[in-house]
């Protein structure tokens, strides 16, 4: 009986370190497969929003396709023409993608 108690006590002592290593491994896996790619995508979107210019074909956060007609840096907004003569104003943070680049990848 004493030997089984001592064996169980010896096996239980290393459990804390193993648990810490498992937690670190899980965090590392989550970082490389979830957090890091999302940060890279957000950085690409931010760079695209900062490089907007007149005439760029864009897709807004609501899925509206249009052409940038004017960028107002004071209000951080973009005027997007969605049809001939129909211009809407959206916040620059809601312009997510280059529509012409999306069309080029779909046709290939």
C-alpha atoms as a PDB file:
ATOM      1  CA  UNK A   1       0.000   0.000   0.000  1.00  0.00           C
ATOM      2  CA  UNK A   2       2.825   2.373   0.837  1.00  0.00           C
ATOM      3  CA  UNK A   3       4.572   1.715  -2.479  1.00  0.00           C
ATOM      4  CA  UNK A   4       1.471   2.561  -4.531  1.00  0.00           C
ATOM      5  CA  UNK A   5       1.011   5.758  -2.561  1.00  0.00           C
ATOM      6  CA  UNK A   6       4.644   6.786  -3.181  1.00  0.00           C
ATOM      7  CA  UNK A   7       4.375   5.907  -6.878  1.00  0.00           C
ATOM      8  CA  UNK A   8       1.195   7.963  -7.267  1.00  0.00           C
ATOM      9  CA  UNK A   9       2.816  10.863  -5.437  1.00  0.00           C
ATOM     10  CA  UNK A  10       5.896  10.762  -7.720  1.00  0.00           C
ATOM     11  CA  UNK A  11       3.748  10.652 -10.881  1.00  0.00           C
ATOM     12  CA  UNK A  12       1.656  13.626  -9.736  1.00  0.00           C
ATOM     13  CA  UNK A  13       4.618  15.931  -9.234  1.00  0.00           C
ATOM     14  CA  UNK A  14       5.465  16.323 -12.942  1.00  0.00           C
ATOM     15  CA  UNK A  15       1.857  17.085 -13.918  1.00  0.00           C
ATOM     16  CA  UNK A  16       2.108  20.835 -13.325  1.00  0.00           C
ATOM     17  CA  UNK A  17       4.975  21.329 -15.738  1.00  0.00           C
ATOM     18  CA  UNK A  18       3.295  19.183 -18.387  1.00  0.00           C
ATOM     19  CA  UNK A  19       0.123  21.240 -18.082  1.00  0.00           C
ATOM     20  CA  UNK A  20       2.041  24.489 -18.555  1.00  0.00           C
ATOM     21  CA  UNK A  21       3.802  23.104 -21.634  1.00  0.00           C
ATOM     22  CA  UNK A  22       0.474  21.988 -23.108  1.00  0.00           C
ATOM     23  CA  UNK A  23      -1.028  25.454 -22.540  1.00  0.00           C
ATOM     24  CA  UNK A  24       1.962  27.096 -24.260  1.00  0.00           C
ATOM     25  CA  UNK A  25       1.684  24.659 -27.175  1.00  0.00           C
ATOM     26  CA  UNK A  26      -2.048  25.350 -27.592  1.00  0.00           C
ATOM     27  CA  UNK A  27      -1.441  29.107 -27.557  1.00  0.00           C
ATOM     28  CA  UNK A  28       1.344  28.766 -30.150  1.00  0.00           C
ATOM     29  CA  UNK A  29      -0.895  26.696 -32.432  1.00  0.00           C
ATOM     30  CA  UNK A  30      -3.719  29.248 -32.106  1.00  0.00           C
ATOM     31  CA  UNK A  31      -1.281  32.079 -32.847  1.00  0.00           C
ATOM     32  CA  UNK A  32       0.081  30.538 -36.049  1.00  0.00           C
ATOM     33  CA  UNK A  33      -3.208  29.241 -37.444  1.00  0.00           C
ATOM     34  CA  UNK A  34      -5.737  31.883 -36.338  1.00  0.00           C
ATOM     35  CA  UNK A  35      -4.382  35.146 -34.985  1.00  0.00           C
ATOM     36  CA  UNK A  36      -1.389  35.717 -37.273  1.00  0.00           C
ATOM     37  CA  UNK A  37      -3.248  35.230 -40.616  1.00  0.00           C
ATOM     38  CA  UNK A  38      -6.055  37.499 -39.419  1.00  0.00           C
ATOM     39  CA  UNK A  39      -3.577  40.244 -38.499  1.00  0.00           C
ATOM     40  CA  UNK A  40      -1.924  39.951 -41.929  1.00  0.00           C
ATOM     41  CA  UNK A  41      -5.312  40.263 -43.673  1.00  0.00           C
ATOM     42  CA  UNK A  42      -6.234  43.326 -41.591  1.00  0.00           C
ATOM     43  CA  UNK A  43      -2.898  44.921 -42.476  1.00  0.00           C
ATOM     44  CA  UNK A  44      -3.557  44.335 -46.206  1.00  0.00           C
ATOM     45  CA  UNK A  45      -7.014  45.924 -45.917  1.00  0.00           C
ATOM     46  CA  UNK A  46      -5.597  48.929 -44.033  1.00  0.00           C
ATOM     47  CA  UNK A  47      -2.904  49.408 -46.697  1.00  0.00           C
ATOM     48  CA  UNK A  48      -5.568  49.221 -49.437  1.00  0.00           C
ATOM     49  CA  UNK A  49      -7.754  51.791 -47.665  1.00  0.00           C
ATOM     50  CA  UNK A  50      -4.798  54.156 -47.326  1.00  0.00           C
ATOM     51  CA  UNK A  51      -3.912  53.801 -51.027  1.00  0.00           C
ATOM     52  CA  UNK A  52      -7.395  54.541 -52.394  1.00  0.00           C
ATOM     53  CA  UNK A  53      -7.526  56.923 -55.339  1.00  0.00           C
ATOM     54  CA  UNK A  54     -10.170  58.318 -57.670  1.00  0.00           C
ATOM     55  CA  UNK A  55     -11.347  55.804 -60.257  1.00  0.00           C
ATOM     56  CA  UNK A  56     -10.601  52.697 -58.185  1.00  0.00           C
ATOM     57  CA  UNK A  57     -13.280  50.001 -58.419  1.00  0.00           C
ATOM     58  CA  UNK A  58     -14.112  48.957 -54.855  1.00  0.00           C
ATOM     59  CA  UNK A  59     -16.399  46.737 -52.793  1.00  0.00           C
ATOM     60  CA  UNK A  60     -17.840  48.186 -49.582  1.00  0.00           C
ATOM     61  CA  UNK A  61     -18.512  46.344 -46.346  1.00  0.00           C
ATOM     62  CA  UNK A  62     -22.168  45.972 -47.369  1.00  0.00           C
ATOM     63  CA  UNK A  63     -21.197  44.272 -50.621  1.00  0.00           C
ATOM     64  CA  UNK A  64     -21.865  47.281 -52.857  1.00  0.00           C
ATOM     65  CA  UNK A  65     -19.631  47.492 -55.925  1.00  0.00           C
ATOM     66  CA  UNK A  66     -18.727  50.923 -57.214  1.00  0.00           C
ATOM     67  CA  UNK A  67     -16.075  53.374 -58.349  1.00  0.00           C
ATOM     68  CA  UNK A  68     -14.372  55.887 -56.072  1.00  0.00           C
ATOM     69  CA  UNK A  69     -15.203  59.423 -57.212  1.00  0.00           C
ATOM     70  CA  UNK A  70     -13.853  61.520 -54.338  1.00  0.00           C
ATOM     71  CA  UNK A  71     -11.951  60.971 -51.104  1.00  0.00           C
ATOM     72  CA  UNK A  72     -12.500  63.401 -48.236  1.00  0.00           C
ATOM     73  CA  UNK A  73      -9.653  63.080 -45.731  1.00  0.00           C
ATOM     74  CA  UNK A  74     -11.165  65.596 -43.304  1.00  0.00           C
ATOM     75  CA  UNK A  75     -14.262  63.456 -42.693  1.00  0.00           C
ATOM     76  CA  UNK A  76     -12.507  60.174 -43.573  1.00  0.00           C
ATOM     77  CA  UNK A  77     -15.200  59.349 -46.113  1.00  0.00           C
ATOM     78  CA  UNK A  78     -15.298  58.192 -49.720  1.00  0.00           C
ATOM     79  CA  UNK A  79     -17.853  59.051 -52.406  1.00  0.00           C
ATOM     80  CA  UNK A  80     -18.583  55.892 -54.400  1.00  0.00           C
ATOM     81  CA  UNK A  81     -20.522  55.905 -57.669  1.00  0.00           C
ATOM     82  CA  UNK A  82     -22.639  52.743 -57.741  1.00  0.00           C
ATOM     83  CA  UNK A  83     -24.582  53.544 -60.909  1.00  0.00           C
ATOM     84  CA  UNK A  84     -24.448  56.301 -63.490  1.00  0.00           C
ATOM     85  CA  UNK A  85     -25.244  59.474 -61.561  1.00  0.00           C
ATOM     86  CA  UNK A  86     -25.808  57.672 -58.230  1.00  0.00           C
ATOM     87  CA  UNK A  87     -23.116  58.531 -55.688  1.00  0.00           C
ATOM     88  CA  UNK A  88     -23.125  57.359 -52.087  1.00  0.00           C
ATOM     89  CA  UNK A  89     -20.842  58.435 -49.270  1.00  0.00           C
ATOM     90  CA  UNK A  90     -19.308  55.704 -47.117  1.00  0.00           C
ATOM     91  CA  UNK A  91     -16.751  55.739 -44.364  1.00  0.00           C
ATOM     92  CA  UNK A  92     -13.292  54.892 -45.668  1.00  0.00           C
ATOM     93  CA  UNK A  93     -13.026  52.093 -43.098  1.00  0.00           C
ATOM     94  CA  UNK A  94     -15.877  50.229 -44.838  1.00  0.00           C
ATOM     95  CA  UNK A  95     -14.150  49.958 -48.209  1.00  0.00           C
ATOM     96  CA  UNK A  96     -12.593  46.509 -48.089  1.00  0.00           C
ATOM     97  CA  UNK A  97     -11.568  45.230 -51.490  1.00  0.00           C
ATOM     98  CA  UNK A  98     -10.462  46.153 -54.990  1.00  0.00           C
ATOM     99  CA  UNK A  99     -13.264  44.960 -57.273  1.00  0.00           C
ATOM    100  CA  UNK A 100     -11.080  44.917 -60.378  1.00  0.00           C
ATOM    101  CA  UNK A 101      -8.582  42.600 -58.652  1.00  0.00           C
ATOM    102  CA  UNK A 102     -11.440  40.316 -57.573  1.00  0.00           C
ATOM    103  CA  UNK A 103     -12.770  40.114 -61.151  1.00  0.00           C
ATOM    104  CA  UNK A 104      -9.313  39.279 -62.510  1.00  0.00           C
ATOM    105  CA  UNK A 105      -8.911  36.340 -60.093  1.00  0.00           C
ATOM    106  CA  UNK A 106     -12.378  34.977 -60.874  1.00  0.00           C
ATOM    107  CA  UNK A 107     -11.880  34.955 -64.643  1.00  0.00           C
ATOM    108  CA  UNK A 108      -8.659  32.905 -64.487  1.00  0.00           C
END
